[in-house]
Amino acid sequence: MTMETLLLFFLFCVGGSVIQSVTGFGFSIFCMTVFPFLIGNYHAATAISGMCGATMGICIAWRHRRDINVRLVVPLSVSYFIAFPLGVKLTLILDEDMLLRVLGGILICLSLYFFFLSDRISLRPTIVGGLCCGFLGGLFSGFCSIGGPPVVLYLLAAAKTKEEYRASIQFYFSVGNSYGVLVRAFNGLITTQVLGLWILALFALLIGGTIGGKIFNRVNAAVLRRMVYAIMAISGCTMLF
């Protein structure tokens, strides 16, 4: 990677961590629009995104640990553990060009969903619902490191307060992404390049998390999310076509 691409990688990590700090999710959605192109390797891109997600999840969950509702996270995590390796195996079967096309399609579908349907769809917070959302989250996380949307849908319906939602979803991300790092390491996907970029990303996450914490109550989160969704759609079209 050149100095220019390393700088872009760093800046996108900062931006993604700001988004995650303000909205509760979105780092991988934002960063996976460019990581495959900047890093030049799809597997490395998903691995780095997952490691950053685990790092942020652990830090934020620890900070708000008193508000975590473990009972909400258990069914999500159980099915996540089953589905995640399946998603990783798919990435090992498909070639790089096909992976980017599928990722592009997923980004477009997610952007359309968030723009037009997210406020109209709600789930009943049942154990079966948690298992289903966790399975989808695990499958998408293993395949493209974007497993937040199904879980966001479930926890928004299940959590009793905004604080419980924020703490519980970050606990879910910390558990799921940490498990994901182990699965990818077992499959030989955590390389020296991945570790080096993750170390660089740690400084970006610290900067972005600090900025996000300071502007949490000053930024219109809905506007910020819509900007991210627009970037998703544009990037998805680029990958697909």
C-alpha atoms as a PDB file:
ATOM      1  CA  MET A   1       0.000   0.000   0.000  1.00  0.00           C
ATOM      2  CA  THR A   2       1.211   3.504  -0.841  1.00  0.00           C
ATOM      3  CA  MET A   3       1.274   6.388   1.627  1.00  0.00           C
ATOM      4  CA  GLU A   4      -1.820   7.814  -0.075  1.00  0.00           C
ATOM      5  CA  THR A   5      -3.849   4.622   0.372  1.00  0.00           C
ATOM      6  CA  LEU A   6      -2.645   4.255   3.970  1.00  0.00           C
ATOM      7  CA  LEU A   7      -3.800   7.813   4.672  1.00  0.00           C
ATOM      8  CA  LEU A   8      -7.202   7.098   3.111  1.00  0.00           C
ATOM      9  CA  PHE A   9      -7.447   3.886   5.133  1.00  0.00           C
ATOM     10  CA  PHE A  10      -6.680   5.822   8.319  1.00  0.00           C
ATOM     11  CA  LEU A  11      -9.213   8.562   7.537  1.00  0.00           C
ATOM     12  CA  PHE A  12     -11.978   6.073   6.746  1.00  0.00           C
ATOM     13  CA  CYS A  13     -11.263   4.309  10.045  1.00  0.00           C
ATOM     14  CA  VAL A  14     -11.628   7.645  11.832  1.00  0.00           C
ATOM     15  CA  GLY A  15     -14.885   8.362   9.987  1.00  0.00           C
ATOM     16  CA  GLY A  16     -16.248   4.882  10.647  1.00  0.00           C
ATOM     17  CA  SER A  17     -15.506   5.071  14.359  1.00  0.00           C
ATOM     18  CA  VAL A  18     -17.201   8.489  14.582  1.00  0.00           C
ATOM     19  CA  ILE A  19     -20.298   6.999  12.936  1.00  0.00           C
ATOM     20  CA  GLN A  20     -20.219   3.984  15.269  1.00  0.00           C
ATOM     21  CA  SER A  21     -19.859   6.203  18.339  1.00  0.00           C
ATOM     22  CA  VAL A  22     -22.762   8.455  17.341  1.00  0.00           C
ATOM     23  CA  THR A  23     -25.240   5.915  15.917  1.00  0.00           C
ATOM     24  CA  GLY A  24     -24.275   2.674  17.698  1.00  0.00           C
ATOM     25  CA  PHE A  25     -23.316   0.830  14.517  1.00  0.00           C
ATOM     26  CA  GLY A  26     -22.072   1.511  10.993  1.00  0.00           C
ATOM     27  CA  PHE A  27     -18.277   1.179  11.086  1.00  0.00           C
ATOM     28  CA  SER A  28     -18.183  -1.861   8.814  1.00  0.00           C
ATOM     29  CA  ILE A  29     -20.985  -0.589   6.583  1.00  0.00           C
ATOM     30  CA  PHE A  30     -19.046   2.636   5.990  1.00  0.00           C
ATOM     31  CA  CYS A  31     -15.541   1.189   5.735  1.00  0.00           C
ATOM     32  CA  MET A  32     -16.349  -1.871   3.621  1.00  0.00           C
ATOM     33  CA  THR A  33     -17.385   0.485   0.818  1.00  0.00           C
ATOM     34  CA  VAL A  34     -13.675   1.223   0.289  1.00  0.00           C
ATOM     35  CA  PHE A  35     -11.563  -1.303   2.217  1.00  0.00           C
ATOM     36  CA  PRO A  36     -11.516  -3.940  -0.575  1.00  0.00           C
ATOM     37  CA  PHE A  37     -10.205  -1.330  -3.028  1.00  0.00           C
ATOM     38  CA  LEU A  38      -7.690   0.310  -0.670  1.00  0.00           C
ATOM     39  CA  ILE A  39      -6.282  -2.936   0.706  1.00  0.00           C
ATOM     40  CA  GLY A  40      -6.521  -4.868  -2.547  1.00  0.00           C
ATOM     41  CA  ASN A  41      -7.642  -8.095  -0.888  1.00  0.00           C
ATOM     42  CA  TYR A  42     -11.237  -8.932   0.040  1.00  0.00           C
ATOM     43  CA  HIS A  43     -10.337 -11.375   2.826  1.00  0.00           C
ATOM     44  CA  ALA A  44      -7.931  -8.908   4.436  1.00  0.00           C
ATOM     45  CA  ALA A  45     -10.582  -6.172   4.215  1.00  0.00           C
ATOM     46  CA  THR A  46     -13.215  -8.232   6.049  1.00  0.00           C
ATOM     47  CA  ALA A  47     -10.670  -9.408   8.632  1.00  0.00           C
ATOM     48  CA  ILE A  48      -9.525  -5.867   9.468  1.00  0.00           C
ATOM     49  CA  SER A  49     -13.096  -4.609   9.621  1.00  0.00           C
ATOM     50  CA  GLY A  50     -14.010  -7.404  12.028  1.00  0.00           C
ATOM     51  CA  MET A  51     -10.987  -6.770  14.249  1.00  0.00           C
ATOM     52  CA  CYS A  52     -11.806  -3.062  14.423  1.00  0.00           C
ATOM     53  CA  GLY A  53     -15.422  -3.931  15.238  1.00  0.00           C
ATOM     54  CA  ALA A  54     -14.285  -6.173  18.088  1.00  0.00           C
ATOM     55  CA  THR A  55     -11.984  -3.468  19.449  1.00  0.00           C
ATOM     56  CA  MET A  56     -14.658  -0.773  19.428  1.00  0.00           C
ATOM     57  CA  GLY A  57     -17.324  -3.112  20.781  1.00  0.00           C
ATOM     58  CA  ILE A  58     -15.176  -4.136  23.758  1.00  0.00           C
ATOM     59  CA  CYS A  59     -14.293  -0.527  24.628  1.00  0.00           C
ATOM     60  CA  ILE A  60     -17.842   0.841  24.360  1.00  0.00           C
ATOM     61  CA  ALA A  61     -19.459  -2.186  26.042  1.00  0.00           C
ATOM     62  CA  TRP A  62     -17.070  -1.928  28.991  1.00  0.00           C
ATOM     63  CA  ARG A  63     -17.801   1.777  29.350  1.00  0.00           C
ATOM     64  CA  HIS A  64     -21.566   1.087  29.496  1.00  0.00           C
ATOM     65  CA  ARG A  65     -21.406  -2.379  31.104  1.00  0.00           C
ATOM     66  CA  ARG A  66     -24.048  -1.586  33.747  1.00  0.00           C
ATOM     67  CA  ASP A  67     -26.707  -1.222  31.037  1.00  0.00           C
ATOM     68  CA  ILE A  68     -25.977  -4.517  29.225  1.00  0.00           C
ATOM     69  CA  ASN A  69     -28.897  -6.968  29.092  1.00  0.00           C
ATOM     70  CA  VAL A  70     -27.159 -10.321  28.664  1.00  0.00           C
ATOM     71  CA  ARG A  71     -30.472 -12.167  28.198  1.00  0.00           C
ATOM     72  CA  LEU A  72     -31.078 -10.250  24.963  1.00  0.00           C
ATOM     73  CA  VAL A  73     -27.619 -11.015  23.608  1.00  0.00           C
ATOM     74  CA  VAL A  74     -27.508 -14.779  24.331  1.00  0.00           C
ATOM     75  CA  PRO A  75     -29.902 -15.993  21.569  1.00  0.00           C
ATOM     76  CA  LEU A  76     -28.290 -13.607  19.082  1.00  0.00           C
ATOM     77  CA  SER A  77     -24.807 -14.896  19.884  1.00  0.00           C
ATOM     78  CA  VAL A  78     -25.715 -18.610  19.873  1.00  0.00           C
ATOM     79  CA  SER A  79     -26.975 -18.548  16.287  1.00  0.00           C
ATOM     80  CA  TYR A  80     -24.216 -16.100  15.284  1.00  0.00           C
ATOM     81  CA  PHE A  81     -21.595 -18.657  16.336  1.00  0.00           C
ATOM     82  CA  ILE A  82     -23.214 -21.244  14.049  1.00  0.00           C
ATOM     83  CA  ALA A  83     -23.657 -18.989  11.016  1.00  0.00           C
ATOM     84  CA  PHE A  84     -20.388 -17.049  11.019  1.00  0.00           C
ATOM     85  CA  PRO A  85     -18.141 -19.936   9.854  1.00  0.00           C
ATOM     86  CA  LEU A  86     -20.598 -20.599   7.014  1.00  0.00           C
ATOM     87  CA  GLY A  87     -20.189 -17.007   5.819  1.00  0.00           C
ATOM     88  CA  VAL A  88     -16.397 -17.291   5.952  1.00  0.00           C
ATOM     89  CA  LYS A  89     -16.483 -20.560   3.983  1.00  0.00           C
ATOM     90  CA  LEU A  90     -18.470 -18.817   1.231  1.00  0.00           C
ATOM     91  CA  THR A  91     -15.703 -16.229   0.855  1.00  0.00           C
ATOM     92  CA  LEU A  92     -13.175 -19.037   0.407  1.00  0.00           C
ATOM     93  CA  ILE A  93     -15.252 -20.666  -2.351  1.00  0.00           C
ATOM     94  CA  LEU A  94     -16.088 -17.610  -4.475  1.00  0.00           C
ATOM     95  CA  ASP A  95     -13.490 -15.704  -6.507  1.00  0.00           C
ATOM     96  CA  GLU A  96     -12.549 -12.085  -5.747  1.00  0.00           C
ATOM     97  CA  ASP A  97     -14.606 -10.561  -8.572  1.00  0.00           C
ATOM     98  CA  MET A  98     -17.734 -12.442  -7.509  1.00  0.00           C
ATOM     99  CA  LEU A  99     -17.194 -11.464  -3.861  1.00  0.00           C
ATOM    100  CA  LEU A 100     -17.097  -7.774  -4.797  1.00  0.00           C
ATOM    101  CA  ARG A 101     -20.232  -8.117  -6.921  1.00  0.00           C
ATOM    102  CA  VAL A 102     -22.119  -9.833  -4.115  1.00  0.00           C
ATOM    103  CA  LEU A 103     -20.900  -7.205  -1.632  1.00  0.00           C
ATOM    104  CA  GLY A 104     -22.073  -4.494  -4.033  1.00  0.00           C
ATOM    105  CA  GLY A 105     -25.517  -6.080  -4.199  1.00  0.00           C
ATOM    106  CA  ILE A 106     -25.693  -6.334  -0.404  1.00  0.00           C
ATOM    107  CA  LEU A 107     -24.713  -2.666   0.012  1.00  0.00           C
ATOM    108  CA  ILE A 108     -27.380  -1.544  -2.472  1.00  0.00           C
ATOM    109  CA  CYS A 109     -30.077  -3.666  -0.809  1.00  0.00           C
ATOM    110  CA  LEU A 110     -29.122  -2.403   2.652  1.00  0.00           C
ATOM    111  CA  SER A 111     -29.119   1.230   1.543  1.00  0.00           C
ATOM    112  CA  LEU A 112     -32.597   0.834   0.002  1.00  0.00           C
ATOM    113  CA  TYR A 113     -33.842  -0.896   3.143  1.00  0.00           C
ATOM    114  CA  PHE A 114     -32.521   1.812   5.470  1.00  0.00           C
ATOM    115  CA  PHE A 115     -33.801   4.626   3.259  1.00  0.00           C
ATOM    116  CA  PHE A 116     -37.334   3.321   2.757  1.00  0.00           C
ATOM    117  CA  LEU A 117     -38.212   0.467   5.138  1.00  0.00           C
ATOM    118  CA  SER A 118     -36.272   0.646   8.402  1.00  0.00           C
ATOM    119  CA  ASP A 119     -38.871   2.875  10.104  1.00  0.00           C
ATOM    120  CA  ARG A 120     -41.768   0.721   8.893  1.00  0.00           C
ATOM    121  CA  ILE A 121     -40.541  -2.714   9.968  1.00  0.00           C
ATOM    122  CA  SER A 122     -40.405  -3.923  13.550  1.00  0.00           C
ATOM    123  CA  LEU A 123     -39.866  -7.324  15.143  1.00  0.00           C
ATOM    124  CA  ARG A 124     -41.402  -8.989  18.146  1.00  0.00           C
ATOM    125  CA  PRO A 125     -38.589  -9.522  20.661  1.00  0.00           C
ATOM    126  CA  THR A 126     -38.955 -13.304  20.994  1.00  0.00           C
ATOM    127  CA  ILE A 127     -36.227 -15.922  21.426  1.00  0.00           C
ATOM    128  CA  VAL A 128     -36.979 -17.275  17.948  1.00  0.00           C
ATOM    129  CA  GLY A 129     -36.669 -13.759  16.534  1.00  0.00           C
ATOM    130  CA  GLY A 130     -33.333 -13.342  18.294  1.00  0.00           C
ATOM    131  CA  LEU A 131     -32.043 -16.644  16.929  1.00  0.00           C
ATOM    132  CA  CYS A 132     -33.081 -15.736  13.369  1.00  0.00           C
ATOM    133  CA  CYS A 133     -31.568 -12.242  13.515  1.00  0.00           C
ATOM    134  CA  GLY A 134     -28.380 -13.592  15.076  1.00  0.00           C
ATOM    135  CA  PHE A 135     -28.076 -16.213  12.331  1.00  0.00           C
ATOM    136  CA  LEU A 136     -28.446 -13.598   9.590  1.00  0.00           C
ATOM    137  CA  GLY A 137     -26.009 -11.316  11.405  1.00  0.00           C
ATOM    138  CA  GLY A 138     -23.457 -14.112  11.690  1.00  0.00           C
ATOM    139  CA  LEU A 139     -23.811 -15.119   8.043  1.00  0.00           C
ATOM    140  CA  PHE A 140     -23.377 -11.548   6.796  1.00  0.00           C
ATOM    141  CA  SER A 141     -20.517 -10.882   9.230  1.00  0.00           C
ATOM    142  CA  GLY A 142     -18.638 -13.939   8.043  1.00  0.00           C
ATOM    143  CA  PHE A 143     -19.211 -13.088   4.401  1.00  0.00           C
ATOM    144  CA  CYS A 144     -18.694  -9.331   4.283  1.00  0.00           C
ATOM    145  CA  SER A 145     -18.221  -8.128   7.883  1.00  0.00           C
ATOM    146  CA  ILE A 146     -21.605  -6.337   7.776  1.00  0.00           C
ATOM    147  CA  GLY A 147     -23.788  -8.164  10.276  1.00  0.00           C
ATOM    148  CA  GLY A 148     -25.297  -5.297  12.248  1.00  0.00           C
ATOM    149  CA  PRO A 149     -28.615  -4.510  10.496  1.00  0.00           C
ATOM    150  CA  PRO A 150     -30.633  -7.637  11.494  1.00  0.00           C
ATOM    151  CA  VAL A 151     -29.451  -7.311  15.093  1.00  0.00           C
ATOM    152  CA  VAL A 152     -30.191  -3.577  15.206  1.00  0.00           C
ATOM    153  CA  LEU A 153     -33.751  -4.370  14.101  1.00  0.00           C
ATOM    154  CA  TYR A 154     -34.163  -6.915  16.904  1.00  0.00           C
ATOM    155  CA  LEU A 155     -32.541  -4.953  19.729  1.00  0.00           C
ATOM    156  CA  LEU A 156     -34.421  -1.748  18.918  1.00  0.00           C
ATOM    157  CA  ALA A 157     -37.617  -3.710  19.568  1.00  0.00           C
ATOM    158  CA  ALA A 158     -36.307  -5.689  22.549  1.00  0.00           C
ATOM    159  CA  ALA A 159     -34.346  -3.104  24.554  1.00  0.00           C
ATOM    160  CA  LYS A 160     -36.353  -1.096  27.073  1.00  0.00           C
ATOM    161  CA  THR A 161     -34.170   2.011  27.012  1.00  0.00           C
ATOM    162  CA  LYS A 162     -31.755   3.749  24.660  1.00  0.00           C
ATOM    163  CA  GLU A 163     -28.942   3.029  27.106  1.00  0.00           C
ATOM    164  CA  GLU A 164     -29.780  -0.687  27.222  1.00  0.00           C
ATOM    165  CA  TYR A 165     -29.846  -0.821  23.421  1.00  0.00           C
ATOM    166  CA  ARG A 166     -26.470   0.904  23.075  1.00  0.00           C
ATOM    167  CA  ALA A 167     -24.746  -1.236  25.702  1.00  0.00           C
ATOM    168  CA  SER A 168     -26.290  -4.532  24.570  1.00  0.00           C
ATOM    169  CA  ILE A 169     -25.523  -4.101  20.884  1.00  0.00           C
ATOM    170  CA  GLN A 170     -21.910  -3.179  21.619  1.00  0.00           C
ATOM    171  CA  PHE A 171     -21.620  -6.245  23.859  1.00  0.00           C
ATOM    172  CA  TYR A 172     -22.985  -8.329  20.975  1.00  0.00           C
ATOM    173  CA  PHE A 173     -20.439  -6.784  18.586  1.00  0.00           C
ATOM    174  CA  SER A 174     -17.587  -7.408  21.031  1.00  0.00           C
ATOM    175  CA  VAL A 175     -18.506 -11.080  21.521  1.00  0.00           C
ATOM    176  CA  GLY A 176     -19.350 -11.777  17.879  1.00  0.00           C
ATOM    177  CA  ASN A 177     -16.392 -10.013  16.310  1.00  0.00           C
ATOM    178  CA  SER A 178     -13.929 -11.509  18.807  1.00  0.00           C
ATOM    179  CA  TYR A 179     -15.228 -14.956  17.889  1.00  0.00           C
ATOM    180  CA  GLY A 180     -14.958 -13.951  14.231  1.00  0.00           C
ATOM    181  CA  VAL A 181     -11.279 -13.092  14.643  1.00  0.00           C
ATOM    182  CA  LEU A 182     -10.645 -16.604  15.987  1.00  0.00           C
ATOM    183  CA  VAL A 183     -12.537 -18.225  13.092  1.00  0.00           C
ATOM    184  CA  ARG A 184     -10.641 -16.181  10.508  1.00  0.00           C
ATOM    185  CA  ALA A 185      -7.333 -16.943  12.238  1.00  0.00           C
ATOM    186  CA  PHE A 186      -8.170 -20.664  12.112  1.00  0.00           C
ATOM    187  CA  ASN A 187      -8.747 -20.303   8.360  1.00  0.00           C
ATOM    188  CA  GLY A 188      -5.420 -18.500   7.874  1.00  0.00           C
ATOM    189  CA  LEU A 189      -6.962 -15.094   7.123  1.00  0.00           C
ATOM    190  CA  ILE A 190      -5.239 -13.090   9.912  1.00  0.00           C
ATOM    191  CA  THR A 191      -1.975 -12.276   8.139  1.00  0.00           C
ATOM    192  CA  THR A 192       0.896  -9.956   9.034  1.00  0.00           C
ATOM    193  CA  GLN A 193      -0.628  -7.364   6.670  1.00  0.00           C
ATOM    194  CA  VAL A 194      -3.925  -7.566   8.561  1.00  0.00           C
ATOM    195  CA  LEU A 195      -2.212  -7.215  11.941  1.00  0.00           C
ATOM    196  CA  GLY A 196      -0.145  -4.250  10.759  1.00  0.00           C
ATOM    197  CA  LEU A 197      -3.175  -2.394   9.409  1.00  0.00           C
ATOM    198  CA  TRP A 198      -5.163  -3.180  12.549  1.00  0.00           C
ATOM    199  CA  ILE A 199      -2.427  -1.626  14.700  1.00  0.00           C
ATOM    200  CA  LEU A 200      -2.549   1.491  12.506  1.00  0.00           C
ATOM    201  CA  ALA A 201      -6.343   1.496  12.771  1.00  0.00           C
ATOM    202  CA  LEU A 202      -6.187   1.510  16.585  1.00  0.00           C
ATOM    203  CA  PHE A 203      -4.959   5.112  16.538  1.00  0.00           C
ATOM    204  CA  ALA A 204      -7.748   6.050  14.123  1.00  0.00           C
ATOM    205  CA  LEU A 205     -10.353   4.355  16.334  1.00  0.00           C
ATOM    206  CA  LEU A 206      -9.101   6.310  19.343  1.00  0.00           C
ATOM    207  CA  ILE A 207      -9.373   9.607  17.456  1.00  0.00           C
ATOM    208  CA  GLY A 208     -12.775   8.789  15.962  1.00  0.00           C
ATOM    209  CA  GLY A 209     -14.156   7.491  19.244  1.00  0.00           C
ATOM    210  CA  THR A 210     -13.056  10.652  21.041  1.00  0.00           C
ATOM    211  CA  ILE A 211     -14.631  12.873  18.375  1.00  0.00           C
ATOM    212  CA  GLY A 212     -17.817  10.806  18.360  1.00  0.00           C
ATOM    213  CA  GLY A 213     -18.109  10.993  22.134  1.00  0.00           C
ATOM    214  CA  LYS A 214     -17.760  14.787  22.111  1.00  0.00           C
ATOM    215  CA  ILE A 215     -20.285  15.392  19.314  1.00  0.00           C
ATOM    216  CA  PHE A 216     -22.765  12.653  20.346  1.00  0.00           C
ATOM    217  CA  ASN A 217     -25.429  15.135  21.475  1.00  0.00           C
ATOM    218  CA  ARG A 218     -24.625  17.797  18.860  1.00  0.00           C
ATOM    219  CA  VAL A 219     -24.932  15.803  15.643  1.00  0.00           C
ATOM    220  CA  ASN A 220     -28.178  14.838  13.961  1.00  0.00           C
ATOM    221  CA  ALA A 221     -27.673  11.062  13.888  1.00  0.00           C
ATOM    222  CA  ALA A 222     -30.454  10.587  11.319  1.00  0.00           C
ATOM    223  CA  VAL A 223     -28.736  12.919   8.826  1.00  0.00           C
ATOM    224  CA  LEU A 224     -25.390  11.208   9.434  1.00  0.00           C
ATOM    225  CA  ARG A 225     -26.937   7.791   8.804  1.00  0.00           C
ATOM    226  CA  ARG A 226     -28.540   8.953   5.555  1.00  0.00           C
ATOM    227  CA  MET A 227     -25.178  10.206   4.311  1.00  0.00           C
ATOM    228  CA  VAL A 228     -23.712   6.766   5.048  1.00  0.00           C
ATOM    229  CA  TYR A 229     -26.584   5.043   3.224  1.00  0.00           C
ATOM    230  CA  ALA A 230     -25.989   7.224   0.156  1.00  0.00           C
ATOM    231  CA  ILE A 231     -22.297   6.279   0.177  1.00  0.00           C
ATOM    232  CA  MET A 232     -23.341   2.627   0.473  1.00  0.00           C
ATOM    233  CA  ALA A 233     -25.572   2.865  -2.592  1.00  0.00           C
ATOM    234  CA  ILE A 234     -22.948   4.616  -4.732  1.00  0.00           C
ATOM    235  CA  SER A 235     -20.196   2.215  -3.697  1.00  0.00           C
ATOM    236  CA  GLY A 236     -22.490  -0.775  -4.222  1.00  0.00           C
ATOM    237  CA  CYS A 237     -23.256   0.344  -7.777  1.00  0.00           C
ATOM    238  CA  THR A 238     -19.520   0.741  -8.438  1.00  0.00           C
ATOM    239  CA  MET A 239     -18.833  -2.821  -7.252  1.00  0.00           C
ATOM    240  CA  LEU A 240     -21.809  -4.341  -9.035  1.00  0.00           C
ATOM    241  CA  PHE A 241     -21.509  -2.626 -12.397  1.00  0.00           C
END
